[in-house]
Amino acid sequence: MRATVHVRLKKSVLDPQGQAIHHAVRTLGYEGIREIRQGKYFEIELEDDVSPERARALLEQLAHDVLANPVLEEYWVRIEEESE
């Protein structure tokens, strides 16, 4: 079973890196982009014997405790069950 965890700064937190990227793409001539916010993306491979329910609980705890700073960042978990 695979999972992904996405982490990004909360909307209320300034994102200087996203602002710098936004400025750069405007300078390069890209139009129509209102805002760019950067974040982190994690791909996680789970053991075969982990149930989807346990996987969700495990990944939510991992994201909260290790992968994100819940004061500044928000995160979401997506579990992909392989069909092989």
C-alpha atoms as a PDB file:
ATOM      1  CA  MET A   1       0.000   0.000   0.000  1.00  0.00           C
ATOM      2  CA  ARG A   2       1.263   3.447  -0.877  1.00  0.00           C
ATOM      3  CA  ALA A   3       0.378   6.774   0.606  1.00  0.00           C
ATOM      4  CA  THR A   4       1.188  10.393   0.041  1.00  0.00           C
ATOM      5  CA  VAL A   5       1.293  13.201   2.554  1.00  0.00           C
ATOM      6  CA  HIS A   6       1.068  16.781   1.358  1.00  0.00           C
ATOM      7  CA  VAL A   7       2.175  19.598   3.658  1.00  0.00           C
ATOM      8  CA  ARG A   8       1.826  23.316   3.021  1.00  0.00           C
ATOM      9  CA  LEU A   9       1.871  26.528   4.967  1.00  0.00           C
ATOM     10  CA  LYS A  10      -1.496  27.655   6.292  1.00  0.00           C
ATOM     11  CA  LYS A  11      -3.065  30.472   4.280  1.00  0.00           C
ATOM     12  CA  SER A  12      -2.557  32.819   7.244  1.00  0.00           C
ATOM     13  CA  VAL A  13       1.242  32.263   7.154  1.00  0.00           C
ATOM     14  CA  LEU A  14       3.400  34.282   4.773  1.00  0.00           C
ATOM     15  CA  ASP A  15       5.169  32.204   2.116  1.00  0.00           C
ATOM     16  CA  PRO A  16       8.284  34.099   0.957  1.00  0.00           C
ATOM     17  CA  GLN A  17       9.505  31.194  -1.192  1.00  0.00           C
ATOM     18  CA  GLY A  18       6.151  30.986  -2.954  1.00  0.00           C
ATOM     19  CA  GLN A  19       6.202  34.751  -3.461  1.00  0.00           C
ATOM     20  CA  ALA A  20       9.700  34.575  -4.969  1.00  0.00           C
ATOM     21  CA  ILE A  21       8.606  31.811  -7.352  1.00  0.00           C
ATOM     22  CA  HIS A  22       5.511  33.822  -8.291  1.00  0.00           C
ATOM     23  CA  HIS A  23       7.657  36.864  -9.048  1.00  0.00           C
ATOM     24  CA  ALA A  24      10.026  34.756 -11.159  1.00  0.00           C
ATOM     25  CA  VAL A  25       7.277  33.206 -13.273  1.00  0.00           C
ATOM     26  CA  ARG A  26       5.714  36.637 -13.879  1.00  0.00           C
ATOM     27  CA  THR A  27       9.140  37.906 -14.966  1.00  0.00           C
ATOM     28  CA  LEU A  28       9.364  34.970 -17.384  1.00  0.00           C
ATOM     29  CA  GLY A  29       6.095  36.054 -18.971  1.00  0.00           C
ATOM     30  CA  TYR A  30       3.605  33.642 -17.414  1.00  0.00           C
ATOM     31  CA  GLU A  31       0.276  35.420 -17.042  1.00  0.00           C
ATOM     32  CA  GLY A  32      -2.909  34.582 -15.203  1.00  0.00           C
ATOM     33  CA  ILE A  33      -1.275  33.128 -12.092  1.00  0.00           C
ATOM     34  CA  ARG A  34      -2.638  34.845  -9.001  1.00  0.00           C
ATOM     35  CA  GLU A  35      -0.559  33.143  -6.316  1.00  0.00           C
ATOM     36  CA  ILE A  36       1.978  30.363  -5.814  1.00  0.00           C
ATOM     37  CA  ARG A  37       2.465  28.634  -2.481  1.00  0.00           C
ATOM     38  CA  GLN A  38       5.141  26.007  -2.007  1.00  0.00           C
ATOM     39  CA  GLY A  39       4.937  22.902   0.117  1.00  0.00           C
ATOM     40  CA  LYS A  40       6.294  19.420   0.747  1.00  0.00           C
ATOM     41  CA  TYR A  41       5.230  16.086  -0.707  1.00  0.00           C
ATOM     42  CA  PHE A  42       6.062  12.695   0.807  1.00  0.00           C
ATOM     43  CA  GLU A  43       5.642   9.274  -0.811  1.00  0.00           C
ATOM     44  CA  ILE A  44       5.359   6.510   1.759  1.00  0.00           C
ATOM     45  CA  GLU A  45       5.333   2.758   1.147  1.00  0.00           C
ATOM     46  CA  LEU A  46       3.559   0.807   3.886  1.00  0.00           C
ATOM     47  CA  GLU A  47       4.059  -2.796   4.949  1.00  0.00           C
ATOM     48  CA  ASP A  48       1.690  -5.286   3.294  1.00  0.00           C
ATOM     49  CA  ASP A  49       0.006  -6.295   6.543  1.00  0.00           C
ATOM     50  CA  VAL A  50      -1.065  -2.766   7.560  1.00  0.00           C
ATOM     51  CA  SER A  51      -4.820  -2.265   7.231  1.00  0.00           C
ATOM     52  CA  PRO A  52      -6.148   0.916   5.578  1.00  0.00           C
ATOM     53  CA  GLU A  53      -7.582   2.043   8.926  1.00  0.00           C
ATOM     54  CA  ARG A  54      -4.277   1.524  10.733  1.00  0.00           C
ATOM     55  CA  ALA A  55      -2.404   3.152   7.853  1.00  0.00           C
ATOM     56  CA  ARG A  56      -4.553   6.278   8.080  1.00  0.00           C
ATOM     57  CA  ALA A  57      -4.068   6.551  11.847  1.00  0.00           C
ATOM     58  CA  LEU A  58      -0.330   5.928  11.546  1.00  0.00           C
ATOM     59  CA  LEU A  59       0.140   8.483   8.759  1.00  0.00           C
ATOM     60  CA  GLU A  60      -1.988  11.146  10.461  1.00  0.00           C
ATOM     61  CA  GLN A  61       0.156  10.792  13.580  1.00  0.00           C
ATOM     62  CA  LEU A  62       3.393  10.809  11.547  1.00  0.00           C
ATOM     63  CA  ALA A  63       2.326  13.939   9.660  1.00  0.00           C
ATOM     64  CA  HIS A  64       1.326  15.714  12.859  1.00  0.00           C
ATOM     65  CA  ASP A  65       4.404  14.728  14.874  1.00  0.00           C
ATOM     66  CA  VAL A  66       7.195  14.658  12.267  1.00  0.00           C
ATOM     67  CA  LEU A  67       6.382  15.811   8.747  1.00  0.00           C
ATOM     68  CA  ALA A  68       4.514  19.042   9.494  1.00  0.00           C
ATOM     69  CA  ASN A  69       4.530  21.817  12.036  1.00  0.00           C
ATOM     70  CA  PRO A  70       0.799  22.019  12.889  1.00  0.00           C
ATOM     71  CA  VAL A  71       1.184  25.582  14.174  1.00  0.00           C
ATOM     72  CA  LEU A  72       2.285  26.853  10.736  1.00  0.00           C
ATOM     73  CA  GLU A  73       1.346  24.087   8.307  1.00  0.00           C
ATOM     74  CA  GLU A  74      -1.627  22.031   7.251  1.00  0.00           C
ATOM     75  CA  TYR A  75      -1.418  18.537   5.813  1.00  0.00           C
ATOM     76  CA  TRP A  76      -3.521  15.868   4.208  1.00  0.00           C
ATOM     77  CA  VAL A  77      -3.026  12.150   3.731  1.00  0.00           C
ATOM     78  CA  ARG A  78      -3.994  10.104   0.683  1.00  0.00           C
ATOM     79  CA  ILE A  79      -3.841   6.321   0.753  1.00  0.00           C
ATOM     80  CA  GLU A  80      -3.564   4.482  -2.548  1.00  0.00           C
ATOM     81  CA  GLU A  81      -4.418   0.808  -2.396  1.00  0.00           C
ATOM     82  CA  GLU A  82      -2.564  -0.989  -5.165  1.00  0.00           C
ATOM     83  CA  SER A  83      -4.606  -3.280  -7.367  1.00  0.00           C
ATOM     84  CA  GLU A  84      -2.095  -5.985  -8.305  1.00  0.00           C
END
